[in-house]
Full PDB file with SEQRES, HELIX, SHEET, SSBOND, CRYST1, ORIGX, SCALE, CONECT and MASTER records, all heavy atoms in Angstrom:
SEQRES   1 A   35  ILE ASP ALA ALA ALA VAL ARG LYS ALA PHE SER ALA MET          
SEQRES   2 A   35  ARG GLU SER VAL SER GLU LYS ALA GLY HIS SER THR LEU          
SEQRES   3 A   35  ARG GLU PRO VAL PHE ASN ARG TRP SER                          
HELIX    1 AA1 ALA A    3  LYS A   20  1                                  18    
HELIX    2 AA2 HIS A   23  THR A   25  5                                   3    
CRYST1    1.000    1.000    1.000  90.00  90.00  90.00 P 1           1          
ORIGX1      1.000000  0.000000  0.000000        0.00000                         
ORIGX2      0.000000  1.000000  0.000000        0.00000                         
ORIGX3      0.000000  0.000000  1.000000        0.00000                         
SCALE1      1.000000  0.000000  0.000000        0.00000                         
SCALE2      0.000000  1.000000  0.000000        0.00000                         
SCALE3      0.000000  0.000000  1.000000        0.00000                         
ATOM      1  N   ILE A   1      -7.444  -1.823  -2.323  1.00  0.00           N  
ATOM      2  CA  ILE A   1      -8.387  -2.611  -1.525  1.00  0.00           C  
ATOM      3  C   ILE A   1      -9.808  -2.049  -1.504  1.00  0.00           C  
ATOM      4  O   ILE A   1     -10.716  -2.711  -1.012  1.00  0.00           O  
ATOM      5  CB  ILE A   1      -7.872  -2.736  -0.076  1.00  0.00           C  
ATOM      6  CG1 ILE A   1      -7.744  -1.354   0.576  1.00  0.00           C  
ATOM      7  CG2 ILE A   1      -6.544  -3.482  -0.048  1.00  0.00           C  
ATOM      8  CD1 ILE A   1      -7.376  -1.405   2.051  1.00  0.00           C  
ATOM      9  N   ASP A   2     -10.024  -0.810  -2.026  1.00  0.00           N  
ATOM     10  CA  ASP A   2     -11.381  -0.274  -2.036  1.00  0.00           C  
ATOM     11  C   ASP A   2     -11.488   0.813  -3.112  1.00  0.00           C  
ATOM     12  O   ASP A   2     -10.506   1.145  -3.795  1.00  0.00           O  
ATOM     13  CB  ASP A   2     -11.770   0.280  -0.656  1.00  0.00           C  
ATOM     14  CG  ASP A   2     -10.794   1.314  -0.115  1.00  0.00           C  
ATOM     15  OD1 ASP A   2     -10.148   2.007  -0.941  1.00  0.00           O  
ATOM     16  OD2 ASP A   2     -10.658   1.431   1.117  1.00  0.00           O  
ATOM     17  N   ALA A   3     -12.701   1.376  -3.259  1.00  0.00           N  
ATOM     18  CA  ALA A   3     -12.965   2.361  -4.312  1.00  0.00           C  
ATOM     19  C   ALA A   3     -12.115   3.612  -4.145  1.00  0.00           C  
ATOM     20  O   ALA A   3     -11.624   4.186  -5.128  1.00  0.00           O  
ATOM     21  CB  ALA A   3     -14.446   2.719  -4.322  1.00  0.00           C  
ATOM     22  N   ALA A   4     -11.928   4.060  -2.897  1.00  0.00           N  
ATOM     23  CA  ALA A   4     -11.122   5.256  -2.662  1.00  0.00           C  
ATOM     24  C   ALA A   4      -9.688   5.049  -3.133  1.00  0.00           C  
ATOM     25  O   ALA A   4      -9.067   5.942  -3.730  1.00  0.00           O  
ATOM     26  CB  ALA A   4     -11.146   5.610  -1.174  1.00  0.00           C  
ATOM     27  N   ALA A   5      -9.145   3.859  -2.892  1.00  0.00           N  
ATOM     28  CA  ALA A   5      -7.779   3.553  -3.322  1.00  0.00           C  
ATOM     29  C   ALA A   5      -7.677   3.535  -4.843  1.00  0.00           C  
ATOM     30  O   ALA A   5      -6.682   3.971  -5.422  1.00  0.00           O  
ATOM     31  CB  ALA A   5      -7.332   2.215  -2.734  1.00  0.00           C  
ATOM     32  N   VAL A   6      -8.729   3.064  -5.504  1.00  0.00           N  
ATOM     33  CA  VAL A   6      -8.732   3.020  -6.966  1.00  0.00           C  
ATOM     34  C   VAL A   6      -8.729   4.436  -7.544  1.00  0.00           C  
ATOM     35  O   VAL A   6      -7.976   4.763  -8.464  1.00  0.00           O  
ATOM     36  CB  VAL A   6      -9.948   2.229  -7.477  1.00  0.00           C  
ATOM     37  CG1 VAL A   6     -10.087   2.378  -8.996  1.00  0.00           C  
ATOM     38  CG2 VAL A   6      -9.810   0.758  -7.108  1.00  0.00           C  
ATOM     39  N   ARG A   7      -9.611   5.321  -6.996  1.00  0.00           N  
ATOM     40  CA  ARG A   7      -9.660   6.706  -7.488  1.00  0.00           C  
ATOM     41  C   ARG A   7      -8.315   7.400  -7.296  1.00  0.00           C  
ATOM     42  O   ARG A   7      -7.811   8.103  -8.191  1.00  0.00           O  
ATOM     43  CB  ARG A   7     -10.757   7.480  -6.754  1.00  0.00           C  
ATOM     44  CG  ARG A   7     -12.171   7.029  -7.094  1.00  0.00           C  
ATOM     45  CD  ARG A   7     -13.187   8.016  -6.533  1.00  0.00           C  
ATOM     46  NE  ARG A   7     -14.539   7.515  -6.689  1.00  0.00           N  
ATOM     47  CZ  ARG A   7     -15.196   6.828  -5.767  1.00  0.00           C  
ATOM     48  NH1 ARG A   7     -14.602   6.574  -4.597  1.00  0.00           N  
ATOM     49  NH2 ARG A   7     -16.422   6.407  -5.984  1.00  0.00           N  
ATOM     50  N   LYS A   8      -7.738   7.221  -6.122  1.00  0.00           N  
ATOM     51  CA  LYS A   8      -6.458   7.856  -5.818  1.00  0.00           C  
ATOM     52  C   LYS A   8      -5.368   7.349  -6.753  1.00  0.00           C  
ATOM     53  O   LYS A   8      -4.556   8.122  -7.276  1.00  0.00           O  
ATOM     54  CB  LYS A   8      -6.082   7.578  -4.368  1.00  0.00           C  
ATOM     55  CG  LYS A   8      -4.786   8.235  -3.923  1.00  0.00           C  
ATOM     56  CD  LYS A   8      -4.506   7.951  -2.445  1.00  0.00           C  
ATOM     57  CE  LYS A   8      -3.194   8.596  -2.005  1.00  0.00           C  
ATOM     58  NZ  LYS A   8      -2.907   8.306  -0.571  1.00  0.00           N  
ATOM     59  N   ALA A   9      -5.330   6.031  -7.004  1.00  0.00           N  
ATOM     60  CA  ALA A   9      -4.315   5.448  -7.868  1.00  0.00           C  
ATOM     61  C   ALA A   9      -4.492   5.926  -9.303  1.00  0.00           C  
ATOM     62  O   ALA A   9      -3.506   6.214 -10.002  1.00  0.00           O  
ATOM     63  CB  ALA A   9      -4.381   3.928  -7.806  1.00  0.00           C  
ATOM     64  N   PHE A  10      -5.734   6.048  -9.762  1.00  0.00           N  
ATOM     65  CA  PHE A  10      -5.997   6.488 -11.131  1.00  0.00           C  
ATOM     66  C   PHE A  10      -5.482   7.908 -11.346  1.00  0.00           C  
ATOM     67  O   PHE A  10      -4.813   8.219 -12.327  1.00  0.00           O  
ATOM     68  CB  PHE A  10      -7.503   6.415 -11.421  1.00  0.00           C  
ATOM     69  CG  PHE A  10      -7.839   6.472 -12.880  1.00  0.00           C  
ATOM     70  CD1 PHE A  10      -8.079   5.313 -13.603  1.00  0.00           C  
ATOM     71  CD2 PHE A  10      -7.898   7.687 -13.553  1.00  0.00           C  
ATOM     72  CE1 PHE A  10      -8.380   5.357 -14.959  1.00  0.00           C  
ATOM     73  CE2 PHE A  10      -8.197   7.742 -14.903  1.00  0.00           C  
ATOM     74  CZ  PHE A  10      -8.435   6.573 -15.609  1.00  0.00           C  
ATOM     75  N   SER A  11      -5.791   8.778 -10.370  1.00  0.00           N  
ATOM     76  CA  SER A  11      -5.350  10.167 -10.470  1.00  0.00           C  
ATOM     77  C   SER A  11      -3.825  10.269 -10.425  1.00  0.00           C  
ATOM     78  O   SER A  11      -3.211  10.996 -11.213  1.00  0.00           O  
ATOM     79  CB  SER A  11      -5.968  10.980  -9.327  1.00  0.00           C  
ATOM     80  OG  SER A  11      -5.486  12.301  -9.336  1.00  0.00           O  
ATOM     81  N   ALA A  12      -3.202   9.502  -9.507  1.00  0.00           N  
ATOM     82  CA  ALA A  12      -1.742   9.535  -9.371  1.00  0.00           C  
ATOM     83  C   ALA A  12      -1.059   9.011 -10.631  1.00  0.00           C  
ATOM     84  O   ALA A  12      -0.021   9.543 -11.066  1.00  0.00           O  
ATOM     85  CB  ALA A  12      -1.321   8.713  -8.154  1.00  0.00           C  
ATOM     86  N   MET A  13      -1.662   8.016 -11.260  1.00  0.00           N  
ATOM     87  CA  MET A  13      -1.063   7.452 -12.465  1.00  0.00           C  
ATOM     88  C   MET A  13      -1.113   8.454 -13.610  1.00  0.00           C  
ATOM     89  O   MET A  13      -0.131   8.611 -14.349  1.00  0.00           O  
ATOM     90  CB  MET A  13      -1.777   6.148 -12.864  1.00  0.00           C  
ATOM     91  CG  MET A  13      -1.146   5.457 -14.063  1.00  0.00           C  
ATOM     92  SD  MET A  13      -2.027   3.956 -14.557  1.00  0.00           S  
ATOM     93  CE  MET A  13      -1.825   2.960 -13.081  1.00  0.00           C  
ATOM     94  N   ARG A  14      -2.220   9.150 -13.778  1.00  0.00           N  
ATOM     95  CA  ARG A  14      -2.320  10.147 -14.855  1.00  0.00           C  
ATOM     96  C   ARG A  14      -1.254  11.227 -14.697  1.00  0.00           C  
ATOM     97  O   ARG A  14      -0.581  11.604 -15.655  1.00  0.00           O  
ATOM     98  CB  ARG A  14      -3.711  10.778 -14.856  1.00  0.00           C  
ATOM     99  CG  ARG A  14      -4.755   9.927 -15.588  1.00  0.00           C  
ATOM    100  CD  ARG A  14      -5.982  10.765 -15.908  1.00  0.00           C  
ATOM    101  NE  ARG A  14      -6.927  10.019 -16.713  1.00  0.00           N  
ATOM    102  CZ  ARG A  14      -6.853   9.874 -18.029  1.00  0.00           C  
ATOM    103  NH1 ARG A  14      -5.857  10.417 -18.689  1.00  0.00           N  
ATOM    104  NH2 ARG A  14      -7.777   9.186 -18.686  1.00  0.00           N  
ATOM    105  N   GLU A  15      -1.076  11.687 -13.472  1.00  0.00           N  
ATOM    106  CA  GLU A  15      -0.094  12.737 -13.227  1.00  0.00           C  
ATOM    107  C   GLU A  15       1.322  12.225 -13.475  1.00  0.00           C  
ATOM    108  O   GLU A  15       2.147  12.895 -14.121  1.00  0.00           O  
ATOM    109  CB  GLU A  15      -0.228  13.245 -11.801  1.00  0.00           C  
ATOM    110  CG  GLU A  15      -1.534  13.995 -11.533  1.00  0.00           C  
ATOM    111  CD  GLU A  15      -1.620  14.473 -10.096  1.00  0.00           C  
ATOM    112  OE1 GLU A  15      -0.609  14.329  -9.365  1.00  0.00           O  
ATOM    113  OE2 GLU A  15      -2.694  14.974  -9.702  1.00  0.00           O  
ATOM    114  N   SER A  16       1.629  11.047 -12.942  1.00  0.00           N  
ATOM    115  CA  SER A  16       2.979  10.510 -13.039  1.00  0.00           C  
ATOM    116  C   SER A  16       3.354  10.197 -14.486  1.00  0.00           C  
ATOM    117  O   SER A  16       4.443  10.544 -14.940  1.00  0.00           O  
ATOM    118  CB  SER A  16       3.099   9.243 -12.184  1.00  0.00           C  
ATOM    119  OG  SER A  16       4.353   8.637 -12.347  1.00  0.00           O  
ATOM    120  N   VAL A  17       2.462   9.548 -15.204  1.00  0.00           N  
ATOM    121  CA  VAL A  17       2.771   9.163 -16.574  1.00  0.00           C  
ATOM    122  C   VAL A  17       2.895  10.393 -17.463  1.00  0.00           C  
ATOM    123  O   VAL A  17       3.779  10.485 -18.324  1.00  0.00           O  
ATOM    124  CB  VAL A  17       1.702   8.193 -17.114  1.00  0.00           C  
ATOM    125  CG1 VAL A  17       1.916   7.928 -18.604  1.00  0.00           C  
ATOM    126  CG2 VAL A  17       1.741   6.883 -16.344  1.00  0.00           C  
ATOM    127  N   SER A  18       2.016  11.380 -17.263  1.00  0.00           N  
ATOM    128  CA  SER A  18       2.088  12.605 -18.071  1.00  0.00           C  
ATOM    129  C   SER A  18       3.401  13.329 -17.838  1.00  0.00           C  
ATOM    130  O   SER A  18       4.010  13.884 -18.754  1.00  0.00           O  
ATOM    131  CB  SER A  18       0.920  13.524 -17.721  1.00  0.00           C  
ATOM    132  OG  SER A  18      -0.308  12.913 -18.058  1.00  0.00           O  
ATOM    133  N   GLU A  19       3.860  13.307 -16.591  1.00  0.00           N  
ATOM    134  CA  GLU A  19       5.099  14.008 -16.239  1.00  0.00           C  
ATOM    135  C   GLU A  19       6.338  13.277 -16.752  1.00  0.00           C  
ATOM    136  O   GLU A  19       7.255  13.882 -17.303  1.00  0.00           O  
ATOM    137  CB  GLU A  19       5.181  14.151 -14.721  1.00  0.00           C  
ATOM    138  CG  GLU A  19       6.481  14.797 -14.233  1.00  0.00           C  
ATOM    139  CD  GLU A  19       6.559  14.824 -12.723  1.00  0.00           C  
ATOM    140  OE1 GLU A  19       5.521  14.632 -12.065  1.00  0.00           O  
ATOM    141  OE2 GLU A  19       7.672  15.043 -12.210  1.00  0.00           O  
ATOM    142  N   LYS A  20       6.354  11.922 -16.605  1.00  0.00           N  
ATOM    143  CA  LYS A  20       7.571  11.171 -16.900  1.00  0.00           C  
ATOM    144  C   LYS A  20       7.643  10.669 -18.338  1.00  0.00           C  
ATOM    145  O   LYS A  20       8.723  10.502 -18.891  1.00  0.00           O  
ATOM    146  CB  LYS A  20       7.688   9.978 -15.941  1.00  0.00           C  
ATOM    147  CG  LYS A  20       7.869  10.404 -14.495  1.00  0.00           C  
ATOM    148  CD  LYS A  20       7.967   9.199 -13.579  1.00  0.00           C  
ATOM    149  CE  LYS A  20       8.144   9.631 -12.122  1.00  0.00           C  
ATOM    150  NZ  LYS A  20       8.221   8.483 -11.209  1.00  0.00           N  
ATOM    151  N   ALA A  21       6.501  10.402 -18.945  1.00  0.00           N  
ATOM    152  CA  ALA A  21       6.526   9.801 -20.265  1.00  0.00           C  
ATOM    153  C   ALA A  21       5.832  10.637 -21.330  1.00  0.00           C  
ATOM    154  O   ALA A  21       5.881  10.308 -22.501  1.00  0.00           O  
ATOM    155  CB  ALA A  21       5.891   8.409 -20.216  1.00  0.00           C  
ATOM    156  N   GLY A  22       5.172  11.668 -20.914  1.00  0.00           N  
ATOM    157  CA  GLY A  22       4.466  12.505 -21.886  1.00  0.00           C  
ATOM    158  C   GLY A  22       3.025  12.089 -22.026  1.00  0.00           C  
ATOM    159  O   GLY A  22       2.700  10.904 -21.994  1.00  0.00           O  
ATOM    160  N   HIS A  23       2.147  13.082 -22.206  1.00  0.00           N  
ATOM    161  CA  HIS A  23       0.713  12.802 -22.242  1.00  0.00           C  
ATOM    162  C   HIS A  23       0.323  11.933 -23.434  1.00  0.00           C  
ATOM    163  O   HIS A  23      -0.643  11.167 -23.382  1.00  0.00           O  
ATOM    164  CB  HIS A  23      -0.071  14.122 -22.293  1.00  0.00           C  
ATOM    165  CG  HIS A  23      -1.560  13.936 -22.184  1.00  0.00           C  
ATOM    166  ND1 HIS A  23      -2.169  13.631 -20.995  1.00  0.00           N  
ATOM    167  CD2 HIS A  23      -2.531  13.991 -23.140  1.00  0.00           C  
ATOM    168  CE1 HIS A  23      -3.479  13.523 -21.203  1.00  0.00           C  
ATOM    169  NE2 HIS A  23      -3.733  13.734 -22.496  1.00  0.00           N  
ATOM    170  N   SER A  24       1.103  12.007 -24.528  1.00  0.00           N  
ATOM    171  CA  SER A  24       0.741  11.262 -25.729  1.00  0.00           C  
ATOM    172  C   SER A  24       0.864   9.751 -25.550  1.00  0.00           C  
ATOM    173  O   SER A  24       0.288   8.978 -26.310  1.00  0.00           O  
ATOM    174  CB  SER A  24       1.622  11.689 -26.904  1.00  0.00           C  
ATOM    175  OG  SER A  24       2.991  11.410 -26.615  1.00  0.00           O  
ATOM    176  N   THR A  25       1.615   9.334 -24.529  1.00  0.00           N  
ATOM    177  CA  THR A  25       1.788   7.894 -24.315  1.00  0.00           C  
ATOM    178  C   THR A  25       0.658   7.308 -23.485  1.00  0.00           C  
ATOM    179  O   THR A  25       0.550   6.100 -23.365  1.00  0.00           O  
ATOM    180  CB  THR A  25       3.112   7.613 -23.570  1.00  0.00           C  
ATOM    181  OG1 THR A  25       3.032   8.163 -22.255  1.00  0.00           O  
ATOM    182  CG2 THR A  25       4.284   8.212 -24.324  1.00  0.00           C  
ATOM    183  N   LEU A  26      -0.147   8.145 -22.886  1.00  0.00           N  
ATOM    184  CA  LEU A  26      -1.142   7.684 -21.936  1.00  0.00           C  
ATOM    185  C   LEU A  26      -2.381   7.181 -22.665  1.00  0.00           C  
ATOM    186  O   LEU A  26      -3.008   7.904 -23.420  1.00  0.00           O  
ATOM    187  CB  LEU A  26      -1.521   8.812 -20.968  1.00  0.00           C  
ATOM    188  CG  LEU A  26      -2.541   8.475 -19.875  1.00  0.00           C  
ATOM    189  CD1 LEU A  26      -1.951   7.386 -18.972  1.00  0.00           C  
ATOM    190  CD2 LEU A  26      -2.869   9.708 -19.065  1.00  0.00           C  
ATOM    191  N   ARG A  27      -2.701   5.961 -22.460  1.00  0.00           N  
ATOM    192  CA  ARG A  27      -3.933   5.408 -22.991  1.00  0.00           C  
ATOM    193  C   ARG A  27      -4.794   4.955 -21.821  1.00  0.00           C  
ATOM    194  O   ARG A  27      -4.449   5.159 -20.663  1.00  0.00           O  
ATOM    195  CB  ARG A  27      -3.625   4.215 -23.910  1.00  0.00           C  
ATOM    196  CG  ARG A  27      -2.888   4.619 -25.186  1.00  0.00           C  
ATOM    197  CD  ARG A  27      -2.428   3.393 -25.964  1.00  0.00           C  
ATOM    198  NE  ARG A  27      -3.551   2.523 -26.331  1.00  0.00           N  
ATOM    199  CZ  ARG A  27      -4.285   2.698 -27.436  1.00  0.00           C  
ATOM    200  NH1 ARG A  27      -4.039   3.711 -28.247  1.00  0.00           N  
ATOM    201  NH2 ARG A  27      -5.261   1.866 -27.738  1.00  0.00           N  
ATOM    202  N   GLU A  28      -5.895   4.297 -22.124  1.00  0.00           N  
ATOM    203  CA  GLU A  28      -6.767   3.830 -21.056  1.00  0.00           C  
ATOM    204  C   GLU A  28      -6.033   2.823 -20.177  1.00  0.00           C  
ATOM    205  O   GLU A  28      -5.420   1.881 -20.686  1.00  0.00           O  
ATOM    206  CB  GLU A  28      -8.022   3.161 -21.650  1.00  0.00           C  
ATOM    207  CG  GLU A  28      -8.905   4.103 -22.435  1.00  0.00           C  
ATOM    208  CD  GLU A  28      -8.463   4.253 -23.873  1.00  0.00           C  
ATOM    209  OE1 GLU A  28      -7.401   3.688 -24.227  1.00  0.00           O  
ATOM    210  OE2 GLU A  28      -9.149   4.938 -24.634  1.00  0.00           O  
ATOM    211  N   PRO A  29      -6.090   2.980 -18.842  1.00  0.00           N  
ATOM    212  CA  PRO A  29      -5.395   2.025 -17.972  1.00  0.00           C  
ATOM    213  C   PRO A  29      -6.031   0.634 -18.025  1.00  0.00           C  
ATOM    214  O   PRO A  29      -7.213   0.479 -18.286  1.00  0.00           O  
ATOM    215  CB  PRO A  29      -5.559   2.639 -16.576  1.00  0.00           C  
ATOM    216  CG  PRO A  29      -5.808   4.087 -16.822  1.00  0.00           C  
ATOM    217  CD  PRO A  29      -6.602   4.136 -18.085  1.00  0.00           C  
ATOM    218  N   VAL A  30      -5.163  -0.333 -17.772  1.00  0.00           N  
ATOM    219  CA  VAL A  30      -5.624  -1.716 -17.668  1.00  0.00           C  
ATOM    220  C   VAL A  30      -5.942  -2.013 -16.214  1.00  0.00           C  
ATOM    221  O   VAL A  30      -5.200  -1.622 -15.318  1.00  0.00           O  
ATOM    222  CB  VAL A  30      -4.515  -2.687 -18.159  1.00  0.00           C  
ATOM    223  CG1 VAL A  30      -4.908  -4.119 -17.895  1.00  0.00           C  
ATOM    224  CG2 VAL A  30      -4.291  -2.478 -19.643  1.00  0.00           C  
ATOM    225  N   PHE A  31      -7.004  -2.749 -16.006  1.00  0.00           N  
ATOM    226  CA  PHE A  31      -7.471  -3.001 -14.662  1.00  0.00           C  
ATOM    227  C   PHE A  31      -7.488  -4.502 -14.418  1.00  0.00           C  
ATOM    228  O   PHE A  31      -8.150  -5.243 -15.148  1.00  0.00           O  
ATOM    229  CB  PHE A  31      -8.887  -2.425 -14.537  1.00  0.00           C  
ATOM    230  CG  PHE A  31      -9.272  -2.171 -13.137  1.00  0.00           C  
ATOM    231  CD1 PHE A  31      -8.684  -1.144 -12.425  1.00  0.00           C  
ATOM    232  CD2 PHE A  31     -10.220  -2.950 -12.512  1.00  0.00           C  
ATOM    233  CE1 PHE A  31      -9.047  -0.889 -11.119  1.00  0.00           C  
ATOM    234  CE2 PHE A  31     -10.583  -2.703 -11.214  1.00  0.00           C  
ATOM    235  CZ  PHE A  31      -9.996  -1.679 -10.515  1.00  0.00           C  
ATOM    236  N   ASN A  32      -6.713  -4.994 -13.423  1.00  0.00           N  
ATOM    237  CA  ASN A  32      -6.634  -6.424 -13.122  1.00  0.00           C  
ATOM    238  C   ASN A  32      -7.153  -6.722 -11.736  1.00  0.00           C  
ATOM    239  O   ASN A  32      -6.951  -5.957 -10.809  1.00  0.00           O  
ATOM    240  CB  ASN A  32      -5.178  -6.928 -13.153  1.00  0.00           C  
ATOM    241  CG  ASN A  32      -4.532  -6.732 -14.512  1.00  0.00           C  
ATOM    242  OD1 ASN A  32      -3.382  -6.366 -14.568  1.00  0.00           O  
ATOM    243  ND2 ASN A  32      -5.263  -6.973 -15.577  1.00  0.00           N  
ATOM    244  N   ARG A  33      -7.761  -7.890 -11.604  1.00  0.00           N  
ATOM    245  CA  ARG A  33      -7.966  -8.414 -10.264  1.00  0.00           C  
ATOM    246  C   ARG A  33      -6.611  -8.863  -9.729  1.00  0.00           C  
ATOM    247  O   ARG A  33      -5.808  -9.423 -10.466  1.00  0.00           O  
ATOM    248  CB  ARG A  33      -8.918  -9.609 -10.275  1.00  0.00           C  
ATOM    249  CG  ARG A  33      -9.060 -10.178  -8.862  1.00  0.00           C  
ATOM    250  CD  ARG A  33     -10.180 -11.148  -8.710  1.00  0.00           C  
ATOM    251  NE  ARG A  33     -10.243 -11.544  -7.294  1.00  0.00           N  
ATOM    252  CZ  ARG A  33     -11.332 -11.604  -6.603  1.00  0.00           C  
ATOM    253  NH1 ARG A  33     -12.467 -11.264  -7.149  1.00  0.00           N  
ATOM    254  NH2 ARG A  33     -11.313 -11.989  -5.344  1.00  0.00           N  
ATOM    255  N   TRP A  34      -6.363  -8.624  -8.440  1.00  0.00           N  
ATOM    256  CA  TRP A  34      -5.086  -9.014  -7.839  1.00  0.00           C  
ATOM    257  C   TRP A  34      -5.036 -10.529  -7.717  1.00  0.00           C  
ATOM    258  O   TRP A  34      -5.874 -11.154  -7.096  1.00  0.00           O  
ATOM    259  CB  TRP A  34      -4.969  -8.378  -6.457  1.00  0.00           C  
ATOM    260  CG  TRP A  34      -3.755  -8.795  -5.698  1.00  0.00           C  
ATOM    261  CD1 TRP A  34      -3.718  -9.552  -4.571  1.00  0.00           C  
ATOM    262  CD2 TRP A  34      -2.414  -8.496  -6.023  1.00  0.00           C  
ATOM    263  NE1 TRP A  34      -2.428  -9.721  -4.169  1.00  0.00           N  
ATOM    264  CE2 TRP A  34      -1.595  -9.076  -5.040  1.00  0.00           C  
ATOM    265  CE3 TRP A  34      -1.795  -7.780  -7.042  1.00  0.00           C  
ATOM    266  CZ2 TRP A  34      -0.226  -8.982  -5.041  1.00  0.00           C  
ATOM    267  CZ3 TRP A  34      -0.422  -7.679  -7.056  1.00  0.00           C  
ATOM    268  CH2 TRP A  34       0.340  -8.276  -6.056  1.00  0.00           C  
ATOM    269  N   SER A  35      -4.017 -11.145  -8.344  1.00  0.00           N  
ATOM    270  CA  SER A  35      -3.871 -12.592  -8.288  1.00  0.00           C  
ATOM    271  C   SER A  35      -2.405 -12.935  -8.415  1.00  0.00           C  
ATOM    272  O   SER A  35      -1.876 -13.101  -9.498  1.00  0.00           O  
ATOM    273  CB  SER A  35      -4.657 -13.239  -9.433  1.00  0.00           C  
ATOM    274  OG  SER A  35      -4.503 -14.645  -9.391  1.00  0.00           O  
TER     275      SER A  35                                                      
MASTER        0    0    0    2    0    0    0    6  274    1    0    3          
END                                                                             
């Protein structure tokens, strides 16, 4: 819902994906408007 939530989600996603799927799978995240 705001910029702080976006920063927090971006950081959490990098950590989670690197841990569960490996850093090599991580590419640039896709960003959608909620609809």
